[in-house]
Amino acid sequence: MELFLDLAWNIHSVSPSTLNEHHRNWLCREFGEAAGERLLPVMLEFYRLCGIRKPEFMGWNQVELNKNHYAKGWSPVVDTEFSLTEFSGELDRYLESYGKIKNTINEVDKIIPDSRKDAFFSHIKYSVFAAAAMSTKILEAQRARSIASGNYDPARWTRDEALMKACAKSMDAYFEIRRLTDHYNNEMARGKWKYSMCYNPRDLYVFYPPNLPVGVTEEEIKKYAPLENPKSGSLQEINDACIVFNACDYTYGEGAIPIQSLGHSMNAVSLPKGKTLIYEFECPWEGEAVLRTAVIPTQPNDKGDIRFSVSLDDEKSQICSFKEPFRSESWKQNVLRGQAIKKTNHALLKGTHTLYITALDDHVVINQWMLDFRPDRSFYVFPVEPVYK
C-alpha cells in the first residue's frame, strides 16, 4: 500500500529498477536493518509464489459462473495443473520453496524486537504461513487422490504410508490456517484486531477442508504430517528436451525495460512497440518443437490490438495476439495464472540458434519463453530460476 501511495505522491519516486530497493527500505524501517536485509529475498520469493498462483485460486475453481450448471454459480475444487512428475516434480518444488521461506521467517522472528512482534506477525508471518498452508492443503490432497486412484483396495489405504502422509499434511495445513487466523484475531495485540481476518472468506469452496480419499485422526496427523516432503530435483539438473529463458536474459534488447518483481520470472521485460528482444542459444536436440511465449496479460487502452511476433533464425515471423474479450474464459485463465501463453511451432537442428521477439503494439511485456521438444507435456510452471535483480 505504501508503494502505491508513494507513486501517487510522486510517480518518479520509484522506477522499474528500484522496486526492490523500495521494498528493502520498508522492511528495514519496520523491523530493523538486520531483519530487513534477511527478509527481502524471502518476501520477493513469496510474491513470486503468489504470482504463480494466488492462495485463493489454488482450488482451480471459479465463482460467478452459470447457475444453471453450478449451484450458486460456483464450480468445485479440482486437481491443479501442477505436475507430480514433470521436471522432477514441480508440485514438490513449489511446496519446497514455501518451506524454505517459512524456515527463514522463523529464524528472523527470533531477532524481531518485542515491540514489533505483532506487526511482524500481521505483516509478514500470517501472510506467508497461511499462503503456504493453503498450497500444502490443496497440493497434498491432490497427491493423495492421485495415489488412491490407482485401484487400491480400500483395506490397504491405511497401510499406505505415502497416502497417509499426504492426507495428514493436507488436513494439518487446513487446521494451521485456522490456528493462524485465531492467533491474529484473538491473541495478537491482545485481541485489538479481532474479526479482522477470516479463515474462510465468503465461505468459498477453496477454503473448505480438503477433499481426501481417507479420513485421518488427530493421532495420524501428529504421526505423519511432520515428515519431510519428497525432494524434487534441482532445476540445474533438469535436461528434459526443453530450453527455457526468462525474458530479461536477452542477448540484445535495445529499448527493453526490465521490471523488478513482475511476473513468474520476477523481472519481466516491457518492450516498446517496434523493438526486438534477441536470444542466442545452443540446442542439443533436433526436430519439431513448440515455442511457448509467456507475457503479462495486459490489455490495450487504445482500443487496438496487443501483438508480438516471434521468429527463429531466418524463418518467417509468426504473429501472436493476446488481446482477449473481457471476462472470456481465456481472459479469466490468463488472470488466474498471471501469464498469457502463446504457442508457435518450429523445426530446429542441433547447434546455435537465434530467437527474435518483437513488439508489434504498445503494452507488450514479455515474461518467459520455453522451446519444448515434447509439445504435449502437461505442466504449470516454466522450469527456470527467477531473477532477483
Protein backbone atom coordinates (compact mmCIF):
# COMPACT_ATOMS: atom_id res chain seq x y z
CA MET A 1 0.00 0.00 0.00
CA GLU A 2 2.85 2.36 0.81
CA LEU A 3 4.36 1.71 -2.61
CA PHE A 4 1.14 2.77 -4.31
CA LEU A 5 0.83 5.86 -2.12
CA ASP A 6 4.44 6.86 -2.78
CA LEU A 7 3.81 6.56 -6.50
CA ALA A 8 0.61 8.57 -6.17
CA TRP A 9 2.54 11.33 -4.39
CA ASN A 10 5.45 11.27 -6.84
CA ILE A 11 5.24 8.96 -9.84
CA HIS A 12 9.01 9.27 -10.37
CA SER A 13 9.95 8.29 -6.80
CA VAL A 14 10.12 4.59 -7.73
CA SER A 15 11.26 3.17 -11.06
CA PRO A 16 11.17 -0.33 -12.60
CA SER A 17 14.76 -0.81 -11.40
CA THR A 18 14.22 0.44 -7.80
CA LEU A 19 11.13 -1.52 -6.75
CA ASN A 20 13.22 -3.95 -4.72
CA GLU A 21 15.11 -1.09 -3.09
CA HIS A 22 11.81 0.47 -2.02
CA HIS A 23 10.77 -2.86 -0.53
CA ARG A 24 14.11 -3.27 1.27
CA ASN A 25 13.86 0.20 2.77
CA TRP A 26 10.36 -0.51 4.07
CA LEU A 27 11.36 -3.82 5.65
CA CYS A 28 14.45 -2.31 7.32
CA ARG A 29 12.46 0.64 8.65
CA GLU A 30 9.73 -1.56 10.10
CA PHE A 31 11.78 -4.45 11.51
CA GLY A 32 15.38 -3.25 11.75
CA GLU A 33 18.33 -3.37 9.38
CA ALA A 34 19.42 -6.95 10.10
CA ALA A 35 15.90 -8.39 9.84
CA GLY A 36 15.03 -6.30 6.78
CA GLU A 37 18.05 -7.47 4.80
CA ARG A 38 17.19 -11.11 5.50
CA LEU A 39 13.51 -10.62 4.80
CA LEU A 40 13.85 -9.03 1.36
CA PRO A 41 14.71 -12.23 -0.58
CA VAL A 42 12.09 -14.08 1.45
CA MET A 43 9.33 -11.64 0.55
CA LEU A 44 10.38 -11.46 -3.08
CA GLU A 45 10.13 -15.24 -3.27
CA PHE A 46 6.76 -15.10 -1.51
CA TYR A 47 5.43 -12.65 -4.10
CA ARG A 48 6.77 -14.88 -6.88
CA LEU A 49 4.99 -17.93 -5.47
CA CYS A 50 1.74 -15.98 -5.11
CA GLY A 51 2.21 -14.63 -8.62
CA ILE A 52 2.39 -18.18 -9.90
CA ARG A 53 -0.93 -18.85 -8.17
CA LYS A 54 -2.66 -16.80 -5.53
CA PRO A 55 -3.81 -18.76 -2.46
CA GLU A 56 -7.50 -18.15 -3.16
CA PHE A 57 -7.06 -19.53 -6.69
CA MET A 58 -5.29 -22.76 -5.69
CA GLY A 59 -8.51 -24.77 -5.99
CA TRP A 60 -8.65 -24.27 -9.77
CA ASN A 61 -12.30 -23.41 -9.31
CA GLN A 62 -14.32 -20.31 -10.15
CA VAL A 63 -17.30 -18.28 -9.00
CA GLU A 64 -19.82 -16.16 -10.90
CA LEU A 65 -20.47 -19.00 -13.35
CA ASN A 66 -23.74 -20.15 -14.92
CA LYS A 67 -26.10 -21.05 -12.07
CA ASN A 68 -27.91 -23.47 -14.36
CA HIS A 69 -24.76 -25.57 -14.40
CA TYR A 70 -23.35 -24.95 -10.92
CA ALA A 71 -25.03 -24.43 -7.57
CA LYS A 72 -24.62 -20.76 -6.64
CA GLY A 73 -22.58 -20.38 -9.82
CA TRP A 74 -19.52 -21.89 -8.11
CA SER A 75 -17.50 -24.73 -9.63
CA PRO A 76 -15.94 -27.33 -7.30
CA VAL A 77 -12.32 -27.58 -6.25
CA VAL A 78 -10.42 -29.84 -8.67
CA ASP A 79 -6.85 -31.02 -9.20
CA THR A 80 -4.40 -28.27 -10.12
CA GLU A 81 -2.16 -28.14 -13.18
CA PHE A 82 0.94 -28.64 -11.02
CA SER A 83 2.57 -31.90 -12.09
CA LEU A 84 3.73 -34.57 -9.65
CA THR A 85 6.23 -35.88 -12.21
CA GLU A 86 7.25 -33.29 -14.82
CA PHE A 87 10.58 -31.55 -14.33
CA SER A 88 11.42 -33.84 -11.40
CA GLY A 89 8.18 -32.92 -9.62
CA GLU A 90 7.10 -29.30 -9.91
CA LEU A 91 4.42 -29.80 -7.24
CA ASP A 92 7.10 -30.70 -4.70
CA ARG A 93 9.37 -27.88 -5.86
CA TYR A 94 6.60 -25.36 -5.23
CA LEU A 95 5.99 -26.67 -1.72
CA GLU A 96 9.72 -26.79 -1.00
CA SER A 97 10.02 -23.13 -1.96
CA TYR A 98 7.37 -22.23 0.59
CA GLY A 99 9.10 -24.41 3.17
CA LYS A 100 12.41 -22.60 2.72
CA ILE A 101 10.97 -19.12 3.22
CA LYS A 102 8.99 -20.30 6.26
CA ASN A 103 12.23 -21.53 7.82
CA THR A 104 13.91 -18.16 7.25
CA ILE A 105 10.94 -16.26 8.68
CA ASN A 106 11.07 -18.40 11.83
CA GLU A 107 14.76 -17.57 12.16
CA VAL A 108 14.20 -13.85 11.64
CA ASP A 109 11.34 -13.90 14.16
CA LYS A 110 13.94 -14.53 16.89
CA ILE A 111 15.63 -11.15 16.30
CA ILE A 112 12.47 -9.06 15.99
CA PRO A 113 12.11 -6.66 18.96
CA ASP A 114 9.18 -7.44 21.25
CA SER A 115 7.63 -4.10 20.34
CA ARG A 116 7.41 -5.21 16.69
CA LYS A 117 6.37 -8.85 17.17
CA ASP A 118 2.69 -8.20 16.47
CA ALA A 119 3.49 -6.13 13.39
CA PHE A 120 5.82 -8.88 12.18
CA PHE A 121 3.11 -11.49 12.58
CA SER A 122 0.40 -9.44 10.88
CA HIS A 123 2.51 -8.06 8.02
CA ILE A 124 4.84 -10.99 7.32
CA LYS A 125 4.24 -14.26 9.11
CA TYR A 126 0.48 -14.54 8.77
CA SER A 127 0.52 -13.87 5.04
CA VAL A 128 3.37 -16.23 4.22
CA PHE A 129 2.40 -19.08 6.54
CA ALA A 130 -1.29 -19.01 5.59
CA ALA A 131 -0.47 -18.96 1.86
CA ALA A 132 1.97 -21.83 2.35
CA ALA A 133 -0.67 -23.79 4.26
CA MET A 134 -3.25 -23.24 1.52
CA SER A 135 -0.83 -24.57 -1.10
CA THR A 136 0.00 -27.55 1.10
CA LYS A 137 -3.66 -28.29 1.76
CA ILE A 138 -4.58 -28.28 -1.92
CA LEU A 139 -1.48 -29.94 -3.38
CA GLU A 140 -1.13 -32.70 -0.79
CA ALA A 141 -4.82 -33.51 -1.27
CA GLN A 142 -4.14 -33.78 -4.99
CA ARG A 143 -1.22 -36.11 -4.27
CA ALA A 144 -3.42 -38.25 -2.01
CA ARG A 145 -6.14 -38.54 -4.65
CA SER A 146 -3.51 -39.46 -7.24
CA ILE A 147 -2.15 -42.24 -5.03
CA ALA A 148 -5.61 -43.54 -4.18
CA SER A 149 -6.81 -43.57 -7.78
CA GLY A 150 -4.50 -46.47 -8.64
CA ASN A 151 -7.17 -49.12 -7.99
CA TYR A 152 -6.09 -49.53 -4.39
CA ASP A 153 -8.01 -51.98 -2.25
CA PRO A 154 -9.66 -49.75 0.40
CA ALA A 155 -8.42 -52.10 3.11
CA ARG A 156 -4.84 -51.24 2.11
CA TRP A 157 -5.21 -47.45 2.14
CA THR A 158 -4.47 -47.02 5.82
CA ARG A 159 -1.31 -49.12 5.37
CA ASP A 160 0.00 -46.98 2.55
CA GLU A 161 2.39 -44.54 4.21
CA ALA A 162 2.63 -42.21 1.21
CA LEU A 163 -1.15 -41.85 1.09
CA MET A 164 -1.49 -41.33 4.83
CA LYS A 165 1.33 -38.82 4.80
CA ALA A 166 -0.31 -36.76 2.04
CA CYS A 167 -3.71 -36.85 3.75
CA ALA A 168 -2.22 -35.86 7.11
CA LYS A 169 -0.22 -32.97 5.65
CA SER A 170 -3.26 -31.66 3.80
CA MET A 171 -5.55 -31.77 6.82
CA ASP A 172 -2.89 -30.35 9.14
CA ALA A 173 -2.45 -27.42 6.74
CA TYR A 174 -6.19 -26.74 6.87
CA PHE A 175 -6.03 -26.61 10.67
CA GLU A 176 -2.91 -24.43 10.52
CA ILE A 177 -4.83 -21.76 8.62
CA ARG A 178 -7.43 -21.80 11.37
CA ARG A 179 -4.76 -21.65 14.09
CA LEU A 180 -3.00 -18.72 12.43
CA THR A 181 -6.28 -16.85 11.98
CA ASP A 182 -7.28 -17.48 15.59
CA HIS A 183 -3.96 -16.04 16.76
CA TYR A 184 -4.44 -12.98 14.53
CA ASN A 185 -7.92 -12.27 15.85
CA ASN A 186 -7.67 -13.27 19.49
CA GLU A 187 -4.05 -13.23 20.66
CA MET A 188 -2.16 -10.71 18.54
CA ALA A 189 -2.11 -7.29 20.24
CA ARG A 190 -4.37 -8.77 22.94
CA GLY A 191 -7.29 -9.07 20.52
CA LYS A 192 -7.11 -5.50 19.19
CA TRP A 193 -7.75 -6.69 15.64
CA LYS A 194 -10.43 -9.27 16.46
CA TYR A 195 -12.61 -10.17 13.45
CA SER A 196 -10.11 -8.59 11.04
CA MET A 197 -9.25 -11.95 9.49
CA CYS A 198 -11.40 -14.87 8.39
CA TYR A 199 -10.12 -18.34 7.55
CA ASN A 200 -12.95 -18.93 5.02
CA PRO A 201 -13.74 -15.63 3.26
CA ARG A 202 -17.14 -15.60 1.54
CA ASP A 203 -17.43 -19.27 2.53
CA LEU A 204 -15.81 -20.19 -0.79
CA TYR A 205 -15.18 -23.85 -1.54
CA VAL A 206 -11.41 -23.38 -1.79
CA PHE A 207 -11.32 -22.59 1.95
CA TYR A 208 -13.22 -25.74 2.93
CA PRO A 209 -11.47 -28.80 4.45
CA PRO A 210 -9.63 -30.77 1.76
CA ASN A 211 -11.31 -33.49 -0.27
CA LEU A 212 -9.33 -36.55 0.82
CA PRO A 213 -9.71 -40.23 -0.12
CA VAL A 214 -9.01 -41.24 3.50
CA GLY A 215 -10.00 -39.51 6.71
CA VAL A 216 -7.23 -39.03 9.26
CA THR A 217 -7.37 -38.83 13.03
CA GLU A 218 -5.55 -36.33 15.23
CA GLU A 219 -3.08 -39.06 16.16
CA GLU A 220 -2.40 -39.83 12.49
CA ILE A 221 -1.88 -36.15 11.72
CA LYS A 222 0.69 -35.95 14.52
CA LYS A 223 2.36 -39.12 13.26
CA TYR A 224 2.54 -38.40 9.54
CA ALA A 225 2.34 -34.64 8.98
CA PRO A 226 5.78 -33.70 10.41
CA LEU A 227 7.61 -35.99 7.99
CA GLU A 228 9.59 -34.23 5.28
CA ASN A 229 8.25 -33.80 1.77
CA PRO A 230 9.85 -35.81 -1.05
CA LYS A 231 12.73 -33.85 -2.56
CA SER A 232 12.49 -32.80 -6.18
CA GLY A 233 15.50 -32.46 -8.43
CA SER A 234 17.11 -29.04 -8.80
CA LEU A 235 16.38 -27.03 -11.90
CA GLN A 236 20.05 -27.10 -12.81
CA GLU A 237 19.82 -30.89 -13.10
CA ILE A 238 16.84 -30.85 -15.44
CA ASN A 239 17.68 -31.55 -19.07
CA ASP A 240 14.31 -32.68 -20.34
CA ALA A 241 14.07 -31.82 -24.03
CA CYS A 242 13.38 -28.14 -23.49
CA ILE A 243 15.19 -24.80 -23.49
CA VAL A 244 13.84 -22.17 -21.10
CA PHE A 245 14.71 -18.48 -20.68
CA ASN A 246 13.49 -15.63 -18.55
CA ALA A 247 12.76 -12.67 -20.81
CA CYS A 248 15.32 -10.48 -19.02
CA ASP A 249 18.17 -12.84 -20.04
CA TYR A 250 18.25 -11.50 -23.60
CA THR A 251 21.42 -11.24 -25.68
CA TYR A 252 20.35 -7.93 -27.20
CA GLY A 253 17.40 -5.74 -26.31
CA GLU A 254 17.61 -2.09 -27.31
CA GLY A 255 14.85 -0.11 -25.58
CA ALA A 256 13.82 -3.04 -23.37
CA ILE A 257 12.87 -2.17 -19.77
CA PRO A 258 13.17 -4.97 -17.18
CA ILE A 259 10.66 -4.51 -14.34
CA GLN A 260 11.58 -5.88 -10.93
CA SER A 261 9.13 -8.08 -9.00
CA LEU A 262 6.87 -8.61 -12.03
CA GLY A 263 5.78 -11.95 -13.46
CA HIS A 264 6.78 -15.52 -12.74
CA SER A 265 10.34 -14.54 -13.61
CA MET A 266 10.26 -11.60 -11.15
CA ASN A 267 11.90 -9.49 -13.86
CA ALA A 268 9.53 -9.23 -16.81
CA VAL A 269 10.51 -7.00 -19.74
CA SER A 270 8.46 -4.14 -21.10
CA LEU A 271 9.13 -3.99 -24.83
CA PRO A 272 8.23 -0.79 -26.69
CA LYS A 273 6.39 -1.05 -29.99
CA GLY A 274 8.76 -1.88 -32.82
CA LYS A 275 11.59 -3.07 -30.54
CA THR A 276 13.03 -6.58 -30.51
CA LEU A 277 14.47 -8.94 -27.93
CA ILE A 278 17.17 -11.24 -29.31
CA TYR A 279 18.27 -14.50 -27.68
CA GLU A 280 21.18 -16.65 -28.82
CA PHE A 281 21.21 -20.22 -27.51
CA GLU A 282 22.59 -23.68 -28.11
CA CYS A 283 20.20 -26.52 -28.93
CA PRO A 284 21.32 -30.14 -28.30
CA TRP A 285 18.21 -31.61 -29.96
CA GLU A 286 16.63 -31.51 -33.40
CA GLY A 287 13.13 -31.92 -34.73
CA GLU A 288 9.72 -30.33 -34.26
CA ALA A 289 9.24 -28.16 -31.19
CA VAL A 290 6.64 -25.81 -29.76
CA LEU A 291 7.65 -22.35 -28.54
CA ARG A 292 5.64 -21.17 -25.55
CA THR A 293 5.97 -17.42 -25.10
CA ALA A 294 4.62 -16.13 -21.79
CA VAL A 295 3.59 -12.48 -21.49
CA ILE A 296 1.99 -10.42 -18.75
CA PRO A 297 -1.78 -10.43 -19.51
CA THR A 298 -2.14 -6.71 -20.09
CA GLN A 299 -4.83 -5.10 -22.24
CA PRO A 300 -4.65 -2.29 -24.81
CA ASN A 301 -6.01 1.05 -23.65
CA ASP A 302 -6.31 2.44 -27.18
CA LYS A 303 -9.00 0.01 -28.42
CA GLY A 304 -6.38 -1.56 -30.68
CA ASP A 305 -4.67 -4.94 -30.64
CA ILE A 306 -1.82 -6.19 -28.49
CA ARG A 307 0.55 -8.34 -30.53
CA PHE A 308 4.09 -9.59 -30.76
CA SER A 309 5.93 -11.66 -33.36
CA VAL A 310 8.42 -14.50 -32.95
CA SER A 311 10.90 -15.99 -35.40
CA LEU A 312 13.78 -18.44 -35.20
CA ASP A 313 16.86 -17.72 -37.29
CA ASP A 314 15.78 -16.80 -40.83
CA GLU A 315 12.26 -18.19 -40.71
CA LYS A 316 9.18 -16.08 -41.41
CA SER A 317 7.85 -14.25 -38.37
CA GLN A 318 4.72 -15.63 -36.69
CA ILE A 319 2.34 -13.07 -35.19
CA CYS A 320 0.64 -13.67 -31.84
CA SER A 321 -2.18 -11.60 -30.34
CA PHE A 322 -3.11 -11.87 -26.69
CA LYS A 323 -5.97 -9.42 -26.70
CA GLU A 324 -8.93 -11.21 -25.09
CA PRO A 325 -12.62 -10.33 -24.80
CA PHE A 326 -13.38 -9.06 -21.31
CA ARG A 327 -14.39 -11.89 -18.95
CA SER A 328 -13.95 -14.55 -21.62
CA GLU A 329 -12.71 -17.92 -20.36
CA SER A 330 -9.24 -17.34 -21.80
CA TRP A 331 -9.12 -13.90 -20.19
CA LYS A 332 -10.04 -15.44 -16.83
CA GLN A 333 -7.41 -18.18 -17.09
CA ASN A 334 -4.71 -15.66 -18.00
CA VAL A 335 -5.58 -13.54 -14.97
CA LEU A 336 -5.69 -16.56 -12.64
CA ARG A 337 -2.31 -17.72 -13.91
CA GLY A 338 -0.68 -14.31 -14.13
CA GLN A 339 0.51 -15.21 -17.61
CA ALA A 340 -0.85 -15.37 -21.13
CA ILE A 341 0.91 -18.10 -23.11
CA LYS A 342 1.00 -18.16 -26.90
CA LYS A 343 2.25 -21.20 -28.81
CA THR A 344 4.06 -21.35 -32.16
CA ASN A 345 5.54 -24.35 -33.97
CA HIS A 346 9.13 -24.55 -35.18
CA ALA A 347 11.64 -27.02 -36.64
CA LEU A 348 15.22 -26.98 -35.38
CA LEU A 349 18.57 -28.66 -35.99
CA LYS A 350 21.26 -29.13 -33.38
CA GLY A 351 23.52 -26.14 -32.94
CA THR A 352 23.38 -22.38 -32.35
CA HIS A 353 20.10 -20.55 -32.92
CA THR A 354 18.69 -17.05 -32.57
CA LEU A 355 15.20 -16.20 -31.36
CA TYR A 356 13.62 -12.83 -32.15
CA ILE A 357 10.63 -11.47 -30.22
CA THR A 358 9.26 -8.15 -31.50
CA ALA A 359 6.51 -5.96 -30.02
CA LEU A 360 4.02 -5.00 -32.72
CA ASP A 361 1.82 -2.91 -30.40
CA ASP A 362 2.11 -0.98 -27.17
CA HIS A 363 1.78 -2.61 -23.71
CA VAL A 364 3.71 -5.79 -24.57
CA VAL A 365 5.52 -7.20 -21.51
CA ILE A 366 7.45 -10.43 -22.09
CA ASN A 367 7.91 -12.75 -19.11
CA GLN A 368 9.45 -16.10 -20.16
CA TRP A 369 9.81 -18.42 -23.13
CA MET A 370 10.23 -22.17 -23.48
CA LEU A 371 11.19 -24.16 -26.56
CA ASP A 372 9.81 -27.64 -25.93
CA PHE A 373 10.52 -30.80 -27.94
CA ARG A 374 7.74 -32.55 -26.01
CA PRO A 375 4.84 -30.33 -27.08
CA ASP A 376 2.12 -32.38 -25.39
CA ARG A 377 3.56 -32.40 -21.88
CA SER A 378 1.33 -31.26 -19.01
CA PHE A 379 2.89 -28.84 -16.53
CA TYR A 380 2.26 -25.46 -14.93
CA VAL A 381 5.48 -23.57 -14.12
CA PHE A 382 8.26 -22.87 -16.61
CA PRO A 383 11.32 -24.72 -15.19
CA VAL A 384 13.69 -21.78 -14.81
CA GLU A 385 15.06 -19.94 -11.78
CA PRO A 386 13.64 -16.45 -11.10
CA VAL A 387 15.80 -13.36 -11.49
CA TYR A 388 16.02 -11.02 -8.49
CA LYS A 389 17.95 -8.02 -9.77
